[in-house]
């Protein structure tokens, strides 16, 4: 029936999370960012998983500017930046030889993994 088809086609944050993660794995950063944007247009609030995957997809393709932009949007939306988000952005910044920005991305991190990512970023 039509109502069953509509229910099967409804997307939510989990669906978007899977799609954005697939974009990350396939190094399709732009499609991942567009999926995050589309979520907002549909009124679906992003979460740690979807946003981390978006930042990671940007980072894996050295799109550090976009990774930082996503971090800014997270702050504006009132979401908490978690270590995995900062680490992904820091990694992209390190690949682009943007050491000062890499250290700023990790400024508030207090975990060992983040410190190692920061050191690695400066080592490039």
C-alpha atoms as a PDB file:
ATOM      1  CA  UNK A   1       0.000   0.000   0.000  1.00  0.00           C
ATOM      2  CA  UNK A   2       0.983   3.604  -0.364  1.00  0.00           C
ATOM      3  CA  UNK A   3       1.341   4.245   3.374  1.00  0.00           C
ATOM      4  CA  UNK A   4       3.743   1.293   3.641  1.00  0.00           C
ATOM      5  CA  UNK A   5       5.811   2.654   0.747  1.00  0.00           C
ATOM      6  CA  UNK A   6       5.953   6.067   2.386  1.00  0.00           C
ATOM      7  CA  UNK A   7       7.151   4.533   5.651  1.00  0.00           C
ATOM      8  CA  UNK A   8       9.855   2.547   3.880  1.00  0.00           C
ATOM      9  CA  UNK A   9      11.115   5.646   2.090  1.00  0.00           C
ATOM     10  CA  UNK A  10      11.309   7.841   5.172  1.00  0.00           C
ATOM     11  CA  UNK A  11      14.854   8.776   6.036  1.00  0.00           C
ATOM     12  CA  UNK A  12      16.179   9.631   9.453  1.00  0.00           C
ATOM     13  CA  UNK A  13      19.482  10.412  11.119  1.00  0.00           C
ATOM     14  CA  UNK A  14      20.483   6.731  11.036  1.00  0.00           C
ATOM     15  CA  UNK A  15      19.907   6.530   7.281  1.00  0.00           C
ATOM     16  CA  UNK A  16      21.922   9.677   6.721  1.00  0.00           C
ATOM     17  CA  UNK A  17      24.638   8.428   9.043  1.00  0.00           C
ATOM     18  CA  UNK A  18      25.028   5.274   6.974  1.00  0.00           C
ATOM     19  CA  UNK A  19      25.108   7.268   3.741  1.00  0.00           C
ATOM     20  CA  UNK A  20      27.672   9.773   5.036  1.00  0.00           C
ATOM     21  CA  UNK A  21      29.844   6.972   6.405  1.00  0.00           C
ATOM     22  CA  UNK A  22      29.711   5.298   2.986  1.00  0.00           C
ATOM     23  CA  UNK A  23      30.794   8.604   1.430  1.00  0.00           C
ATOM     24  CA  UNK A  24      33.697   8.733   3.878  1.00  0.00           C
ATOM     25  CA  UNK A  25      34.791   5.192   3.023  1.00  0.00           C
ATOM     26  CA  UNK A  26      34.497   5.908  -0.708  1.00  0.00           C
ATOM     27  CA  UNK A  27      36.387   9.208  -0.372  1.00  0.00           C
ATOM     28  CA  UNK A  28      33.387  11.128  -1.671  1.00  0.00           C
ATOM     29  CA  UNK A  29      33.718  14.087   0.696  1.00  0.00           C
ATOM     30  CA  UNK A  30      31.475  16.408  -1.318  1.00  0.00           C
ATOM     31  CA  UNK A  31      28.602  13.924  -1.351  1.00  0.00           C
ATOM     32  CA  UNK A  32      29.009  13.473   2.402  1.00  0.00           C
ATOM     33  CA  UNK A  33      28.867  17.219   3.015  1.00  0.00           C
ATOM     34  CA  UNK A  34      25.869  17.541   0.699  1.00  0.00           C
ATOM     35  CA  UNK A  35      24.101  14.803   2.665  1.00  0.00           C
ATOM     36  CA  UNK A  36      24.712  16.765   5.893  1.00  0.00           C
ATOM     37  CA  UNK A  37      23.293  19.867   4.217  1.00  0.00           C
ATOM     38  CA  UNK A  38      20.299  17.921   2.948  1.00  0.00           C
ATOM     39  CA  UNK A  39      19.646  16.678   6.493  1.00  0.00           C
ATOM     40  CA  UNK A  40      19.393  20.249   7.711  1.00  0.00           C
ATOM     41  CA  UNK A  41      17.053  21.172   4.862  1.00  0.00           C
ATOM     42  CA  UNK A  42      14.773  18.291   5.842  1.00  0.00           C
ATOM     43  CA  UNK A  43      14.810  19.341   9.482  1.00  0.00           C
ATOM     44  CA  UNK A  44      16.793  16.312  10.621  1.00  0.00           C
ATOM     45  CA  UNK A  45      19.274  17.275  13.312  1.00  0.00           C
ATOM     46  CA  UNK A  46      22.760  15.860  12.847  1.00  0.00           C
ATOM     47  CA  UNK A  47      24.455  13.963  15.642  1.00  0.00           C
ATOM     48  CA  UNK A  48      27.983  12.971  16.602  1.00  0.00           C
ATOM     49  CA  UNK A  49      28.037  10.029  14.178  1.00  0.00           C
ATOM     50  CA  UNK A  50      26.854  11.919  11.103  1.00  0.00           C
ATOM     51  CA  UNK A  51      28.988  14.958  11.773  1.00  0.00           C
ATOM     52  CA  UNK A  52      32.107  12.932  12.597  1.00  0.00           C
ATOM     53  CA  UNK A  53      31.680  10.973   9.373  1.00  0.00           C
ATOM     54  CA  UNK A  54      31.328  14.234   7.442  1.00  0.00           C
ATOM     55  CA  UNK A  55      34.474  15.686   8.975  1.00  0.00           C
ATOM     56  CA  UNK A  56      36.340  12.419   8.425  1.00  0.00           C
ATOM     57  CA  UNK A  57      35.295  12.301   4.785  1.00  0.00           C
ATOM     58  CA  UNK A  58      36.667  15.821   4.319  1.00  0.00           C
ATOM     59  CA  UNK A  59      39.832  14.891   6.164  1.00  0.00           C
ATOM     60  CA  UNK A  60      40.450  11.741   4.147  1.00  0.00           C
ATOM     61  CA  UNK A  61      40.427  13.880   1.004  1.00  0.00           C
ATOM     62  CA  UNK A  62      42.507  16.702   2.610  1.00  0.00           C
ATOM     63  CA  UNK A  63      39.600  19.129   2.446  1.00  0.00           C
ATOM     64  CA  UNK A  64      40.718  20.883   5.615  1.00  0.00           C
ATOM     65  CA  UNK A  65      38.763  24.086   4.938  1.00  0.00           C
ATOM     66  CA  UNK A  66      35.525  22.147   4.730  1.00  0.00           C
ATOM     67  CA  UNK A  67      36.393  20.114   7.834  1.00  0.00           C
ATOM     68  CA  UNK A  68      36.885  23.342   9.794  1.00  0.00           C
ATOM     69  CA  UNK A  69      33.638  24.745   8.419  1.00  0.00           C
ATOM     70  CA  UNK A  70      31.783  21.673   9.662  1.00  0.00           C
ATOM     71  CA  UNK A  71      33.372  22.126  13.089  1.00  0.00           C
ATOM     72  CA  UNK A  72      32.140  25.734  13.151  1.00  0.00           C
ATOM     73  CA  UNK A  73      28.639  24.591  12.245  1.00  0.00           C
ATOM     74  CA  UNK A  74      28.706  22.065  15.072  1.00  0.00           C
ATOM     75  CA  UNK A  75      29.471  24.807  17.548  1.00  0.00           C
ATOM     76  CA  UNK A  76      26.711  26.997  16.103  1.00  0.00           C
ATOM     77  CA  UNK A  77      24.203  24.152  16.420  1.00  0.00           C
ATOM     78  CA  UNK A  78      25.151  23.684  20.052  1.00  0.00           C
ATOM     79  CA  UNK A  79      26.592  20.186  19.556  1.00  0.00           C
ATOM     80  CA  UNK A  80      29.644  19.183  21.534  1.00  0.00           C
ATOM     81  CA  UNK A  81      32.844  18.664  19.595  1.00  0.00           C
ATOM     82  CA  UNK A  82      34.199  15.247  20.454  1.00  0.00           C
ATOM     83  CA  UNK A  83      37.774  14.067  20.124  1.00  0.00           C
ATOM     84  CA  UNK A  84      37.170  12.074  16.944  1.00  0.00           C
ATOM     85  CA  UNK A  85      35.925  15.225  15.188  1.00  0.00           C
ATOM     86  CA  UNK A  86      38.900  17.299  16.307  1.00  0.00           C
ATOM     87  CA  UNK A  87      41.336  14.525  15.448  1.00  0.00           C
ATOM     88  CA  UNK A  88      39.931  14.113  11.937  1.00  0.00           C
ATOM     89  CA  UNK A  89      40.157  17.847  11.277  1.00  0.00           C
ATOM     90  CA  UNK A  90      43.665  17.964  12.758  1.00  0.00           C
ATOM     91  CA  UNK A  91      44.770  15.130  10.506  1.00  0.00           C
ATOM     92  CA  UNK A  92      43.533  16.975   7.416  1.00  0.00           C
ATOM     93  CA  UNK A  93      45.269  20.148   8.559  1.00  0.00           C
ATOM     94  CA  UNK A  94      48.510  18.266   9.081  1.00  0.00           C
ATOM     95  CA  UNK A  95      48.314  16.807   5.577  1.00  0.00           C
ATOM     96  CA  UNK A  96      47.941  20.368   4.247  1.00  0.00           C
ATOM     97  CA  UNK A  97      50.927  21.609   6.342  1.00  0.00           C
ATOM     98  CA  UNK A  98      48.586  23.870   8.372  1.00  0.00           C
ATOM     99  CA  UNK A  99      50.262  23.211  11.736  1.00  0.00           C
ATOM    100  CA  UNK A 100      48.993  26.278  13.611  1.00  0.00           C
ATOM    101  CA  UNK A 101      45.400  25.494  12.658  1.00  0.00           C
ATOM    102  CA  UNK A 102      45.947  21.836  13.580  1.00  0.00           C
ATOM    103  CA  UNK A 103      47.002  22.825  17.068  1.00  0.00           C
ATOM    104  CA  UNK A 104      44.028  25.202  17.370  1.00  0.00           C
ATOM    105  CA  UNK A 105      41.673  22.365  16.412  1.00  0.00           C
ATOM    106  CA  UNK A 106      43.092  20.336  19.302  1.00  0.00           C
ATOM    107  CA  UNK A 107      43.319  23.250  21.712  1.00  0.00           C
ATOM    108  CA  UNK A 108      40.666  21.957  24.079  1.00  0.00           C
ATOM    109  CA  UNK A 109      41.523  18.244  23.825  1.00  0.00           C
ATOM    110  CA  UNK A 110      43.002  16.562  26.834  1.00  0.00           C
ATOM    111  CA  UNK A 111      43.318  12.980  25.681  1.00  0.00           C
ATOM    112  CA  UNK A 112      46.433  11.064  24.658  1.00  0.00           C
ATOM    113  CA  UNK A 113      45.157  10.150  21.189  1.00  0.00           C
ATOM    114  CA  UNK A 114      44.516  13.795  20.350  1.00  0.00           C
ATOM    115  CA  UNK A 115      47.982  14.737  21.543  1.00  0.00           C
ATOM    116  CA  UNK A 116      49.473  12.041  19.302  1.00  0.00           C
ATOM    117  CA  UNK A 117      47.427  13.284  16.329  1.00  0.00           C
ATOM    118  CA  UNK A 118      48.665  16.824  16.988  1.00  0.00           C
ATOM    119  CA  UNK A 119      52.273  15.713  17.146  1.00  0.00           C
ATOM    120  CA  UNK A 120      51.827  13.705  13.958  1.00  0.00           C
ATOM    121  CA  UNK A 121      50.283  16.697  12.190  1.00  0.00           C
ATOM    122  CA  UNK A 122      53.285  18.856  13.082  1.00  0.00           C
ATOM    123  CA  UNK A 123      55.695  16.143  11.984  1.00  0.00           C
ATOM    124  CA  UNK A 124      54.640  16.393   8.325  1.00  0.00           C
END
